[in-house]
Amino acid sequence: MPTRIYLVRHGATDLTADDRFAGSSDVPLSHEGRRQVACLAERLQREKLDAIYASPLQRTMETARTLALPHGLKPIAEPGLREIDYGHWEGLRRSEIESTFQAEYAIWQEDPFAIAPLGGESGVNVLNRALPTLRRIVDRHRQRTVLLVSHKGTNRLLISSLLGIDMRGYRDRLEQSPAAVSILDFTGEVRARLRLFNDISHYEEMREPTLGEHS
């Protein structure tokens, strides 16, 4: 029996809708985000979960508490699951960054895995903390089912690494919608099979257009 990981992105925030970079910015869910997460909680309420872990930011912990309630679990804050810190881009719209930091943004776009915004983190930095965290959780809950709530960038980096995808393309090749769920089955700490990816069928019919890429 494999160890199953439900990998969830938090619900939408006001910064998501405004297309702002909000990696380390600590913001709550928006009204839309809470509706998305409530739909996911209803979908997962019959699953048998051994534990729930979440990035310690407001939007991820709020998501995790809603998902944990039907299971009588208390989410465990896990700093290794935090989102990328975008440094001096934090809180700015993509259009503002493209115009104000044109050269820096162009270099970052070419290889966001190795390059970091000034004062921020590269994809390498994030993966160096997130992947060992995931492996520890898998080892701690062998042959059990665990739910992790993290962020768009962090989730994409983890999945890219586990599947052997070219890490330079993690932003271009993989999507993570708000309150989306992916499923990974582990036969050990390293070998993973992706069973489900970026599924939002629990709320897709009520979905409103969302611009955000960075929170």
N, C-alpha and C. Protein backbone atom coordinates (compact mmCIF):
# COMPACT_ATOMS: atom_id res chain seq x y z
N MET A 1 0.85 -1.19 0.00
CA MET A 1 0.00 0.00 0.00
C MET A 1 0.88 1.24 0.00
N PRO A 2 0.69 2.16 -0.96
CA PRO A 2 1.53 3.36 -1.02
C PRO A 2 1.13 4.38 0.05
N THR A 3 2.01 5.32 0.27
CA THR A 3 1.67 6.50 1.06
C THR A 3 1.05 7.52 0.11
N ARG A 4 -0.14 7.97 0.42
CA ARG A 4 -0.83 8.89 -0.48
C ARG A 4 -0.76 10.32 0.06
N ILE A 5 -0.37 11.24 -0.79
CA ILE A 5 -0.31 12.65 -0.45
C ILE A 5 -1.33 13.43 -1.29
N TYR A 6 -2.26 14.07 -0.60
CA TYR A 6 -3.12 15.05 -1.26
C TYR A 6 -2.39 16.39 -1.19
N LEU A 7 -1.97 16.91 -2.33
CA LEU A 7 -1.24 18.18 -2.38
C LEU A 7 -2.19 19.27 -2.87
N VAL A 8 -2.47 20.22 -1.98
CA VAL A 8 -3.50 21.23 -2.23
C VAL A 8 -2.87 22.62 -2.29
N ARG A 9 -3.32 23.42 -3.22
CA ARG A 9 -2.99 24.84 -3.19
C ARG A 9 -4.09 25.55 -2.40
N HIS A 10 -3.72 26.56 -1.64
CA HIS A 10 -4.71 27.35 -0.89
C HIS A 10 -5.72 28.00 -1.83
N GLY A 11 -6.84 28.45 -1.27
CA GLY A 11 -7.84 29.15 -2.05
C GLY A 11 -7.39 30.54 -2.45
N ALA A 12 -8.18 31.18 -3.29
CA ALA A 12 -7.85 32.51 -3.83
C ALA A 12 -7.78 33.57 -2.74
N THR A 13 -6.98 34.60 -2.99
CA THR A 13 -6.90 35.77 -2.12
C THR A 13 -7.20 37.01 -2.97
N ASP A 14 -7.33 38.15 -2.32
CA ASP A 14 -7.54 39.39 -3.08
C ASP A 14 -6.32 39.71 -3.94
N LEU A 15 -5.13 39.34 -3.49
CA LEU A 15 -3.93 39.57 -4.29
C LEU A 15 -3.88 38.64 -5.49
N THR A 16 -4.43 37.44 -5.36
CA THR A 16 -4.52 36.53 -6.50
C THR A 16 -5.32 37.19 -7.62
N ALA A 17 -6.49 37.71 -7.26
CA ALA A 17 -7.38 38.31 -8.25
C ALA A 17 -6.77 39.57 -8.86
N ASP A 18 -5.86 40.24 -8.12
CA ASP A 18 -5.26 41.48 -8.59
C ASP A 18 -3.96 41.24 -9.34
N ASP A 19 -3.60 39.97 -9.54
CA ASP A 19 -2.37 39.59 -10.26
C ASP A 19 -1.12 40.20 -9.64
N ARG A 20 -1.02 40.09 -8.32
CA ARG A 20 0.15 40.60 -7.60
C ARG A 20 1.02 39.44 -7.12
N PHE A 21 2.31 39.69 -7.05
CA PHE A 21 3.25 38.71 -6.51
C PHE A 21 3.13 38.73 -4.99
N ALA A 22 2.71 37.60 -4.42
CA ALA A 22 2.43 37.56 -2.98
C ALA A 22 3.00 36.30 -2.36
N GLY A 23 4.26 36.01 -2.65
CA GLY A 23 4.86 34.79 -2.12
C GLY A 23 4.94 34.77 -0.61
N SER A 24 5.69 35.70 -0.03
CA SER A 24 5.85 35.74 1.42
C SER A 24 4.87 36.70 2.09
N SER A 25 4.10 37.43 1.30
CA SER A 25 3.09 38.33 1.87
C SER A 25 2.02 37.51 2.58
N ASP A 26 1.70 37.88 3.80
CA ASP A 26 0.79 37.07 4.62
C ASP A 26 -0.62 37.64 4.54
N VAL A 27 -1.43 37.07 3.68
CA VAL A 27 -2.78 37.57 3.44
C VAL A 27 -3.80 36.46 3.64
N PRO A 28 -5.03 36.81 4.04
CA PRO A 28 -6.08 35.80 4.23
C PRO A 28 -6.73 35.42 2.90
N LEU A 29 -7.57 34.40 2.95
CA LEU A 29 -8.37 34.04 1.79
C LEU A 29 -9.39 35.12 1.50
N SER A 30 -9.76 35.25 0.24
CA SER A 30 -10.86 36.12 -0.15
C SER A 30 -12.18 35.36 0.03
N HIS A 31 -13.29 36.06 -0.17
CA HIS A 31 -14.60 35.39 -0.12
C HIS A 31 -14.65 34.26 -1.14
N GLU A 32 -14.16 34.53 -2.35
CA GLU A 32 -14.14 33.49 -3.38
C GLU A 32 -13.28 32.31 -2.95
N GLY A 33 -12.13 32.61 -2.34
CA GLY A 33 -11.24 31.56 -1.88
C GLY A 33 -11.88 30.67 -0.83
N ARG A 34 -12.63 31.27 0.08
CA ARG A 34 -13.32 30.47 1.12
C ARG A 34 -14.38 29.57 0.50
N ARG A 35 -15.06 30.05 -0.54
CA ARG A 35 -16.06 29.21 -1.21
C ARG A 35 -15.37 28.04 -1.91
N GLN A 36 -14.24 28.30 -2.55
CA GLN A 36 -13.51 27.23 -3.22
C GLN A 36 -13.08 26.15 -2.23
N VAL A 37 -12.55 26.58 -1.10
CA VAL A 37 -12.06 25.64 -0.09
C VAL A 37 -13.20 24.86 0.55
N ALA A 38 -14.34 25.53 0.76
CA ALA A 38 -15.50 24.83 1.32
C ALA A 38 -15.95 23.71 0.39
N CYS A 39 -15.90 23.95 -0.91
CA CYS A 39 -16.25 22.91 -1.89
C CYS A 39 -15.27 21.74 -1.82
N LEU A 40 -13.99 22.05 -1.65
CA LEU A 40 -12.99 21.00 -1.55
C LEU A 40 -13.16 20.20 -0.25
N ALA A 41 -13.49 20.89 0.83
CA ALA A 41 -13.72 20.20 2.11
C ALA A 41 -14.86 19.21 1.99
N GLU A 42 -15.91 19.61 1.30
CA GLU A 42 -17.05 18.71 1.10
C GLU A 42 -16.63 17.50 0.26
N ARG A 43 -15.82 17.73 -0.74
CA ARG A 43 -15.36 16.64 -1.59
C ARG A 43 -14.51 15.63 -0.81
N LEU A 44 -13.67 16.11 0.09
CA LEU A 44 -12.71 15.25 0.78
C LEU A 44 -13.20 14.74 2.13
N GLN A 45 -14.42 15.07 2.51
CA GLN A 45 -14.85 14.77 3.87
C GLN A 45 -14.92 13.27 4.18
N ARG A 46 -15.06 12.42 3.18
CA ARG A 46 -15.14 10.96 3.42
C ARG A 46 -13.79 10.26 3.30
N GLU A 47 -12.75 11.02 2.95
CA GLU A 47 -11.41 10.43 2.87
C GLU A 47 -10.86 10.22 4.28
N LYS A 48 -10.11 9.15 4.46
CA LYS A 48 -9.50 8.88 5.76
C LYS A 48 -8.10 9.49 5.78
N LEU A 49 -7.95 10.58 6.51
CA LEU A 49 -6.69 11.30 6.57
C LEU A 49 -5.99 11.04 7.89
N ASP A 50 -4.68 10.80 7.81
CA ASP A 50 -3.88 10.55 9.01
C ASP A 50 -3.40 11.85 9.63
N ALA A 51 -3.15 12.88 8.79
CA ALA A 51 -2.65 14.16 9.28
C ALA A 51 -2.81 15.21 8.19
N ILE A 52 -2.77 16.48 8.61
CA ILE A 52 -2.82 17.61 7.68
C ILE A 52 -1.68 18.56 8.04
N TYR A 53 -0.86 18.89 7.05
CA TYR A 53 0.24 19.84 7.22
C TYR A 53 -0.01 21.05 6.32
N ALA A 54 0.50 22.21 6.73
CA ALA A 54 0.30 23.40 5.92
C ALA A 54 1.43 24.40 6.13
N SER A 55 1.72 25.14 5.09
CA SER A 55 2.57 26.32 5.21
C SER A 55 1.97 27.22 6.30
N PRO A 56 2.80 27.91 7.09
CA PRO A 56 2.27 28.67 8.22
C PRO A 56 1.61 29.99 7.87
N LEU A 57 1.53 30.37 6.60
CA LEU A 57 0.91 31.64 6.23
C LEU A 57 -0.61 31.57 6.39
N GLN A 58 -1.23 32.74 6.54
CA GLN A 58 -2.67 32.80 6.82
C GLN A 58 -3.50 32.03 5.80
N ARG A 59 -3.22 32.25 4.53
CA ARG A 59 -4.07 31.68 3.48
C ARG A 59 -4.00 30.16 3.44
N THR A 60 -2.83 29.60 3.77
CA THR A 60 -2.70 28.15 3.78
C THR A 60 -3.25 27.54 5.07
N MET A 61 -3.01 28.20 6.21
CA MET A 61 -3.54 27.68 7.47
C MET A 61 -5.07 27.76 7.49
N GLU A 62 -5.63 28.83 6.94
CA GLU A 62 -7.09 28.95 6.88
C GLU A 62 -7.67 27.84 5.99
N THR A 63 -7.03 27.60 4.86
CA THR A 63 -7.44 26.49 3.99
C THR A 63 -7.37 25.17 4.73
N ALA A 64 -6.26 24.93 5.42
CA ALA A 64 -6.05 23.66 6.12
C ALA A 64 -7.07 23.46 7.24
N ARG A 65 -7.39 24.50 7.98
CA ARG A 65 -8.38 24.37 9.08
C ARG A 65 -9.75 23.99 8.53
N THR A 66 -10.13 24.58 7.42
CA THR A 66 -11.43 24.24 6.82
C THR A 66 -11.44 22.79 6.35
N LEU A 67 -10.35 22.35 5.74
CA LEU A 67 -10.28 20.97 5.25
C LEU A 67 -10.17 19.97 6.39
N ALA A 68 -9.58 20.38 7.52
CA ALA A 68 -9.37 19.48 8.66
C ALA A 68 -10.63 19.27 9.48
N LEU A 69 -11.52 20.23 9.46
CA LEU A 69 -12.69 20.21 10.37
C LEU A 69 -13.51 18.92 10.27
N PRO A 70 -13.87 18.43 9.07
CA PRO A 70 -14.68 17.20 9.01
C PRO A 70 -13.95 15.97 9.53
N HIS A 71 -12.63 16.05 9.68
CA HIS A 71 -11.83 14.89 10.07
C HIS A 71 -11.39 14.95 11.54
N GLY A 72 -11.74 16.05 12.22
CA GLY A 72 -11.35 16.19 13.61
C GLY A 72 -9.85 16.31 13.80
N LEU A 73 -9.16 16.85 12.81
CA LEU A 73 -7.71 16.99 12.87
C LEU A 73 -7.32 18.45 13.09
N LYS A 74 -6.14 18.65 13.64
CA LYS A 74 -5.58 19.99 13.81
C LYS A 74 -4.41 20.12 12.85
N PRO A 75 -4.44 21.10 11.94
CA PRO A 75 -3.34 21.25 10.98
C PRO A 75 -2.01 21.53 11.68
N ILE A 76 -0.96 20.97 11.14
CA ILE A 76 0.39 21.16 11.66
C ILE A 76 1.11 22.16 10.76
N ALA A 77 1.56 23.27 11.32
CA ALA A 77 2.28 24.28 10.54
C ALA A 77 3.66 23.74 10.18
N GLU A 78 4.00 23.83 8.90
CA GLU A 78 5.28 23.31 8.41
C GLU A 78 5.98 24.39 7.57
N PRO A 79 6.97 25.08 8.15
CA PRO A 79 7.63 26.19 7.45
C PRO A 79 8.25 25.80 6.11
N GLY A 80 8.65 24.55 5.95
CA GLY A 80 9.25 24.13 4.69
C GLY A 80 8.33 24.20 3.50
N LEU A 81 7.02 24.32 3.75
CA LEU A 81 6.03 24.38 2.67
C LEU A 81 5.69 25.81 2.25
N ARG A 82 6.40 26.80 2.81
CA ARG A 82 6.13 28.20 2.46
C ARG A 82 6.34 28.46 0.96
N GLU A 83 5.73 29.54 0.49
CA GLU A 83 5.88 29.94 -0.90
C GLU A 83 7.22 30.64 -1.12
N ILE A 84 7.59 30.77 -2.37
CA ILE A 84 8.77 31.54 -2.76
C ILE A 84 8.65 32.96 -2.23
N ASP A 85 9.74 33.48 -1.70
CA ASP A 85 9.83 34.90 -1.33
C ASP A 85 10.28 35.65 -2.57
N TYR A 86 9.46 36.59 -3.03
CA TYR A 86 9.78 37.34 -4.25
C TYR A 86 10.58 38.61 -3.99
N GLY A 87 11.10 38.76 -2.79
CA GLY A 87 11.98 39.89 -2.51
C GLY A 87 11.32 41.23 -2.76
N HIS A 88 12.01 42.10 -3.51
CA HIS A 88 11.47 43.46 -3.70
C HIS A 88 10.33 43.52 -4.72
N TRP A 89 9.93 42.35 -5.24
CA TRP A 89 8.74 42.31 -6.09
C TRP A 89 7.46 42.06 -5.28
N GLU A 90 7.59 41.71 -4.03
CA GLU A 90 6.42 41.36 -3.22
C GLU A 90 5.37 42.47 -3.25
N GLY A 91 4.12 42.06 -3.52
CA GLY A 91 3.00 42.98 -3.50
C GLY A 91 2.78 43.76 -4.78
N LEU A 92 3.71 43.65 -5.74
CA LEU A 92 3.58 44.39 -6.99
C LEU A 92 2.85 43.57 -8.05
N ARG A 93 2.14 44.28 -8.94
CA ARG A 93 1.51 43.61 -10.06
C ARG A 93 2.58 43.17 -11.07
N ARG A 94 2.25 42.11 -11.81
CA ARG A 94 3.17 41.65 -12.85
C ARG A 94 3.52 42.79 -13.80
N SER A 95 2.52 43.58 -14.22
CA SER A 95 2.76 44.68 -15.17
C SER A 95 3.73 45.70 -14.59
N GLU A 96 3.65 45.96 -13.28
CA GLU A 96 4.57 46.91 -12.64
C GLU A 96 6.00 46.37 -12.64
N ILE A 97 6.13 45.09 -12.39
CA ILE A 97 7.46 44.47 -12.36
C ILE A 97 8.07 44.46 -13.76
N GLU A 98 7.26 44.13 -14.76
CA GLU A 98 7.75 44.09 -16.14
C GLU A 98 8.27 45.44 -16.59
N SER A 99 7.63 46.52 -16.13
CA SER A 99 8.05 47.86 -16.56
C SER A 99 9.15 48.45 -15.68
N THR A 100 9.09 48.20 -14.38
CA THR A 100 10.04 48.81 -13.45
C THR A 100 11.35 48.05 -13.37
N PHE A 101 11.27 46.72 -13.44
CA PHE A 101 12.46 45.86 -13.33
C PHE A 101 12.62 45.02 -14.59
N GLN A 102 12.59 45.68 -15.71
CA GLN A 102 12.50 44.99 -17.00
C GLN A 102 13.64 43.99 -17.21
N ALA A 103 14.89 44.41 -17.00
CA ALA A 103 16.03 43.53 -17.23
C ALA A 103 16.05 42.36 -16.24
N GLU A 104 15.81 42.66 -14.98
CA GLU A 104 15.81 41.62 -13.95
C GLU A 104 14.70 40.60 -14.20
N TYR A 105 13.54 41.09 -14.58
CA TYR A 105 12.40 40.20 -14.83
C TYR A 105 12.68 39.30 -16.03
N ALA A 106 13.31 39.84 -17.08
CA ALA A 106 13.60 39.05 -18.27
C ALA A 106 14.57 37.92 -17.96
N ILE A 107 15.59 38.19 -17.14
CA ILE A 107 16.55 37.16 -16.76
C ILE A 107 15.87 36.09 -15.92
N TRP A 108 15.03 36.51 -14.99
CA TRP A 108 14.31 35.57 -14.12
C TRP A 108 13.38 34.68 -14.92
N GLN A 109 12.71 35.24 -15.91
CA GLN A 109 11.80 34.47 -16.75
C GLN A 109 12.53 33.35 -17.49
N GLU A 110 13.78 33.58 -17.85
CA GLU A 110 14.56 32.58 -18.57
C GLU A 110 14.87 31.36 -17.71
N ASP A 111 15.12 31.59 -16.41
CA ASP A 111 15.45 30.46 -15.53
C ASP A 111 15.04 30.77 -14.09
N PRO A 112 13.75 30.70 -13.78
CA PRO A 112 13.29 31.01 -12.43
C PRO A 112 13.72 29.98 -11.39
N PHE A 113 14.22 28.83 -11.86
CA PHE A 113 14.71 27.83 -10.91
C PHE A 113 16.03 28.27 -10.29
N ALA A 114 16.90 28.88 -11.09
CA ALA A 114 18.23 29.26 -10.60
C ALA A 114 18.33 30.73 -10.21
N ILE A 115 17.48 31.58 -10.76
CA ILE A 115 17.58 33.02 -10.55
C ILE A 115 16.53 33.47 -9.54
N ALA A 116 16.93 34.42 -8.67
CA ALA A 116 16.01 34.97 -7.67
C ALA A 116 15.88 36.48 -7.85
N PRO A 117 14.70 37.05 -7.60
CA PRO A 117 14.59 38.50 -7.54
C PRO A 117 15.45 39.03 -6.39
N LEU A 118 15.87 40.27 -6.47
CA LEU A 118 16.70 40.86 -5.43
C LEU A 118 16.02 40.72 -4.06
N GLY A 119 16.73 40.10 -3.12
CA GLY A 119 16.19 39.93 -1.78
C GLY A 119 15.24 38.76 -1.63
N GLY A 120 15.07 38.00 -2.72
CA GLY A 120 14.11 36.89 -2.68
C GLY A 120 14.77 35.53 -2.82
N GLU A 121 13.97 34.53 -3.19
CA GLU A 121 14.43 33.15 -3.30
C GLU A 121 14.36 32.66 -4.75
N SER A 122 15.25 31.78 -5.09
CA SER A 122 15.17 31.06 -6.36
C SER A 122 14.36 29.79 -6.15
N GLY A 123 14.01 29.14 -7.24
CA GLY A 123 13.35 27.85 -7.13
C GLY A 123 14.22 26.82 -6.42
N VAL A 124 15.53 26.91 -6.62
CA VAL A 124 16.45 26.00 -5.94
C VAL A 124 16.31 26.15 -4.43
N ASN A 125 16.29 27.39 -3.95
CA ASN A 125 16.14 27.65 -2.51
C ASN A 125 14.88 27.00 -1.97
N VAL A 126 13.78 27.17 -2.69
CA VAL A 126 12.50 26.64 -2.22
C VAL A 126 12.51 25.12 -2.21
N LEU A 127 13.00 24.52 -3.28
CA LEU A 127 13.02 23.07 -3.36
C LEU A 127 13.93 22.46 -2.28
N ASN A 128 15.01 23.16 -1.94
CA ASN A 128 15.94 22.66 -0.94
C ASN A 128 15.31 22.55 0.45
N ARG A 129 14.24 23.30 0.69
CA ARG A 129 13.54 23.15 1.98
C ARG A 129 12.25 22.34 1.84
N ALA A 130 11.58 22.48 0.68
CA ALA A 130 10.27 21.83 0.53
C ALA A 130 10.37 20.33 0.28
N LEU A 131 11.35 19.90 -0.53
CA LEU A 131 11.44 18.47 -0.85
C LEU A 131 11.85 17.63 0.37
N PRO A 132 12.85 18.04 1.17
CA PRO A 132 13.14 17.29 2.39
C PRO A 132 11.95 17.26 3.36
N THR A 133 11.20 18.35 3.40
CA THR A 133 10.00 18.39 4.25
C THR A 133 9.00 17.34 3.81
N LEU A 134 8.73 17.28 2.50
CA LEU A 134 7.80 16.29 1.97
C LEU A 134 8.28 14.87 2.25
N ARG A 135 9.56 14.62 2.08
CA ARG A 135 10.10 13.28 2.32
C ARG A 135 9.98 12.88 3.79
N ARG A 136 10.19 13.83 4.70
CA ARG A 136 10.03 13.53 6.13
C ARG A 136 8.58 13.16 6.45
N ILE A 137 7.65 13.89 5.84
CA ILE A 137 6.23 13.62 6.08
C ILE A 137 5.86 12.24 5.53
N VAL A 138 6.34 11.91 4.33
CA VAL A 138 6.06 10.59 3.75
C VAL A 138 6.62 9.50 4.66
N ASP A 139 7.83 9.68 5.15
CA ASP A 139 8.45 8.68 6.02
C ASP A 139 7.70 8.55 7.34
N ARG A 140 7.19 9.66 7.85
CA ARG A 140 6.48 9.67 9.14
C ARG A 140 5.13 8.98 9.05
N HIS A 141 4.53 8.98 7.87
CA HIS A 141 3.16 8.45 7.71
C HIS A 141 3.14 7.35 6.65
N ARG A 142 4.02 6.41 6.74
CA ARG A 142 4.11 5.35 5.75
C ARG A 142 2.79 4.58 5.63
N GLN A 143 2.37 4.36 4.39
CA GLN A 143 1.15 3.62 4.06
C GLN A 143 -0.10 4.28 4.64
N ARG A 144 -0.04 5.57 4.83
CA ARG A 144 -1.19 6.36 5.29
C ARG A 144 -1.51 7.41 4.24
N THR A 145 -2.57 8.18 4.52
CA THR A 145 -2.97 9.27 3.63
C THR A 145 -2.84 10.59 4.37
N VAL A 146 -2.13 11.52 3.76
CA VAL A 146 -1.84 12.81 4.38
C VAL A 146 -2.18 13.93 3.41
N LEU A 147 -2.67 15.04 3.94
CA LEU A 147 -2.99 16.20 3.12
C LEU A 147 -2.01 17.33 3.42
N LEU A 148 -1.46 17.93 2.38
CA LEU A 148 -0.55 19.07 2.51
C LEU A 148 -1.15 20.27 1.81
N VAL A 149 -1.14 21.42 2.48
CA VAL A 149 -1.62 22.67 1.87
C VAL A 149 -0.42 23.59 1.68
N SER A 150 -0.14 23.91 0.43
CA SER A 150 1.00 24.77 0.15
C SER A 150 0.59 25.81 -0.90
N HIS A 151 1.51 26.17 -1.76
CA HIS A 151 1.34 27.31 -2.66
C HIS A 151 1.62 26.92 -4.10
N LYS A 152 1.28 27.82 -4.99
CA LYS A 152 1.40 27.53 -6.42
C LYS A 152 2.84 27.18 -6.82
N GLY A 153 3.78 28.06 -6.49
CA GLY A 153 5.16 27.81 -6.87
C GLY A 153 5.74 26.60 -6.19
N THR A 154 5.53 26.47 -4.90
CA THR A 154 6.07 25.35 -4.14
C THR A 154 5.54 24.02 -4.65
N ASN A 155 4.24 23.95 -4.89
CA ASN A 155 3.65 22.71 -5.40
C ASN A 155 4.22 22.34 -6.77
N ARG A 156 4.37 23.33 -7.64
CA ARG A 156 4.89 23.05 -8.97
C ARG A 156 6.34 22.57 -8.92
N LEU A 157 7.12 23.16 -8.02
CA LEU A 157 8.51 22.73 -7.87
C LEU A 157 8.58 21.29 -7.36
N LEU A 158 7.76 20.97 -6.38
CA LEU A 158 7.76 19.61 -5.84
C LEU A 158 7.38 18.59 -6.91
N ILE A 159 6.31 18.86 -7.63
CA ILE A 159 5.86 17.91 -8.65
C ILE A 159 6.88 17.79 -9.78
N SER A 160 7.45 18.91 -10.21
CA SER A 160 8.46 18.87 -11.26
C SER A 160 9.64 18.01 -10.85
N SER A 161 10.11 18.19 -9.62
CA SER A 161 11.25 17.42 -9.13
C SER A 161 10.92 15.94 -9.06
N LEU A 162 9.77 15.60 -8.52
CA LEU A 162 9.39 14.19 -8.35
C LEU A 162 9.18 13.48 -9.67
N LEU A 163 8.73 14.22 -10.69
CA LEU A 163 8.47 13.61 -11.99
C LEU A 163 9.64 13.73 -12.96
N GLY A 164 10.70 14.41 -12.56
CA GLY A 164 11.86 14.54 -13.43
C GLY A 164 11.67 15.51 -14.57
N ILE A 165 10.81 16.52 -14.38
CA ILE A 165 10.60 17.55 -15.41
C ILE A 165 11.72 18.58 -15.34
N ASP A 166 12.13 19.12 -16.48
CA ASP A 166 13.16 20.17 -16.52
C ASP A 166 12.74 21.31 -15.59
N MET A 167 13.51 21.53 -14.54
CA MET A 167 13.12 22.47 -13.51
C MET A 167 13.04 23.92 -14.00
N ARG A 168 13.75 24.23 -15.06
CA ARG A 168 13.69 25.60 -15.58
C ARG A 168 12.31 25.93 -16.12
N GLY A 169 11.54 24.90 -16.46
CA GLY A 169 10.23 25.13 -17.04
C GLY A 169 9.08 24.89 -16.08
N TYR A 170 9.36 24.86 -14.77
CA TYR A 170 8.29 24.51 -13.83
C TYR A 170 7.14 25.51 -13.86
N ARG A 171 7.41 26.77 -14.15
CA ARG A 171 6.34 27.76 -14.19
C ARG A 171 5.53 27.68 -15.48
N ASP A 172 6.19 27.33 -16.58
CA ASP A 172 5.53 27.31 -17.89
C ASP A 172 4.75 26.03 -18.15
N ARG A 173 5.20 24.93 -17.57
CA ARG A 173 4.65 23.62 -17.94
C ARG A 173 3.58 23.10 -16.99
N LEU A 174 3.51 23.63 -15.79
CA LEU A 174 2.56 23.12 -14.80
C LEU A 174 1.68 24.24 -14.27
N GLU A 175 0.41 23.92 -14.08
CA GLU A 175 -0.55 24.87 -13.51
C GLU A 175 -0.92 24.42 -12.10
N GLN A 176 -1.27 25.39 -11.25
CA GLN A 176 -1.83 25.11 -9.94
C GLN A 176 -2.88 26.17 -9.67
N SER A 177 -4.14 25.82 -9.84
CA SER A 177 -5.24 26.76 -9.64
C SER A 177 -5.55 26.88 -8.15
N PRO A 178 -6.20 27.97 -7.74
CA PRO A 178 -6.59 28.10 -6.33
C PRO A 178 -7.46 26.92 -5.89
N ALA A 179 -7.16 26.39 -4.71
CA ALA A 179 -7.92 25.28 -4.11
C ALA A 179 -7.92 24.03 -4.98
N ALA A 180 -6.90 23.88 -5.82
CA ALA A 180 -6.76 22.67 -6.63
C ALA A 180 -6.15 21.56 -5.80
N VAL A 181 -6.48 20.32 -6.16
CA VAL A 181 -5.90 19.15 -5.48
C VAL A 181 -5.18 18.27 -6.49
N SER A 182 -4.01 17.82 -6.10
CA SER A 182 -3.26 16.80 -6.84
C SER A 182 -3.03 15.63 -5.90
N ILE A 183 -2.84 14.44 -6.46
CA ILE A 183 -2.61 13.24 -5.64
C ILE A 183 -1.32 12.58 -6.08
N LEU A 184 -0.45 12.32 -5.10
CA LEU A 184 0.80 11.62 -5.33
C LEU A 184 0.84 10.37 -4.47
N ASP A 185 1.17 9.23 -5.07
CA ASP A 185 1.35 7.99 -4.33
C ASP A 185 2.83 7.65 -4.27
N PHE A 186 3.33 7.41 -3.06
CA PHE A 186 4.75 7.11 -2.84
C PHE A 186 4.92 5.66 -2.44
N THR A 187 5.83 4.95 -3.13
CA THR A 187 6.20 3.60 -2.71
C THR A 187 7.44 3.64 -1.82
N GLY A 188 8.05 4.81 -1.71
CA GLY A 188 9.18 5.07 -0.81
C GLY A 188 9.23 6.56 -0.60
N GLU A 189 10.33 7.09 -0.10
CA GLU A 189 10.43 8.52 0.13
C GLU A 189 10.66 9.30 -1.15
N VAL A 190 11.14 8.64 -2.21
CA VAL A 190 11.54 9.32 -3.43
C VAL A 190 10.63 9.00 -4.61
N ARG A 191 10.27 7.74 -4.79
CA ARG A 191 9.51 7.31 -5.96
C ARG A 191 8.04 7.68 -5.80
N ALA A 192 7.56 8.51 -6.71
CA ALA A 192 6.18 8.98 -6.63
C ALA A 192 5.47 8.80 -7.96
N ARG A 193 4.19 8.49 -7.89
CA ARG A 193 3.34 8.40 -9.08
C ARG A 193 2.25 9.47 -8.95
N LEU A 194 2.11 10.30 -9.98
CA LEU A 194 1.09 11.33 -9.99
C LEU A 194 -0.23 10.71 -10.43
N ARG A 195 -1.21 10.68 -9.53
CA ARG A 195 -2.50 10.06 -9.81
C ARG A 195 -3.55 11.06 -10.26
N LEU A 196 -3.42 12.29 -9.83
CA LEU A 196 -4.38 13.34 -10.16
C LEU A 196 -3.62 14.66 -10.13
N PHE A 197 -3.96 15.58 -11.07
CA PHE A 197 -3.22 16.84 -11.13
C PHE A 197 -4.15 18.05 -11.29
N ASN A 198 -3.97 19.02 -10.42
CA ASN A 198 -4.63 20.33 -10.54
C ASN A 198 -6.14 20.22 -10.77
N ASP A 199 -6.78 19.38 -10.00
CA ASP A 199 -8.21 19.14 -10.18
C ASP A 199 -9.02 20.17 -9.39
N ILE A 200 -9.91 20.87 -10.08
CA ILE A 200 -10.80 21.83 -9.43
C ILE A 200 -12.27 21.52 -9.75
N SER A 201 -12.55 20.25 -10.05
CA SER A 201 -13.92 19.87 -10.41
C SER A 201 -14.91 20.14 -9.28
N HIS A 202 -14.41 20.24 -8.04
CA HIS A 202 -15.29 20.50 -6.89
C HIS A 202 -15.91 21.89 -6.93
N TYR A 203 -15.29 22.82 -7.66
CA TYR A 203 -15.88 24.17 -7.72
C TYR A 203 -15.87 24.77 -9.13
N GLU A 204 -15.49 24.01 -10.12
CA GLU A 204 -15.27 24.57 -11.45
C GLU A 204 -16.50 25.25 -12.03
N GLU A 205 -17.69 24.73 -11.75
CA GLU A 205 -18.90 25.32 -12.32
C GLU A 205 -19.17 26.72 -11.78
N MET A 206 -18.71 26.99 -10.57
CA MET A 206 -18.95 28.31 -9.98
C MET A 206 -17.74 29.22 -10.16
N ARG A 207 -16.72 28.73 -10.88
CA ARG A 207 -15.46 29.45 -10.96
C ARG A 207 -15.61 30.79 -11.64
N GLU A 208 -14.97 31.83 -11.05
CA GLU A 208 -14.91 33.16 -11.63
C GLU A 208 -13.51 33.36 -12.20
N PRO A 209 -13.37 34.17 -13.24
CA PRO A 209 -12.04 34.37 -13.81
C PRO A 209 -11.06 34.89 -12.77
N THR A 210 -9.88 34.27 -12.70
CA THR A 210 -8.87 34.65 -11.73
C THR A 210 -7.55 34.86 -12.44
N LEU A 211 -6.96 36.03 -12.27
CA LEU A 211 -5.72 36.36 -12.96
C LEU A 211 -4.49 35.81 -12.26
N GLY A 212 -4.56 35.70 -10.94
CA GLY A 212 -3.36 35.54 -10.12
C GLY A 212 -2.50 34.34 -10.46
N GLU A 213 -1.20 34.58 -10.49
CA GLU A 213 -0.24 33.51 -10.77
C GLU A 213 0.76 33.35 -9.64
N HIS A 214 0.75 34.22 -8.65
CA HIS A 214 1.94 34.34 -7.83
C HIS A 214 1.68 34.27 -6.34
N SER A 215 0.60 33.67 -5.88
CA SER A 215 0.33 33.65 -4.44
C SER A 215 -0.04 32.28 -3.97
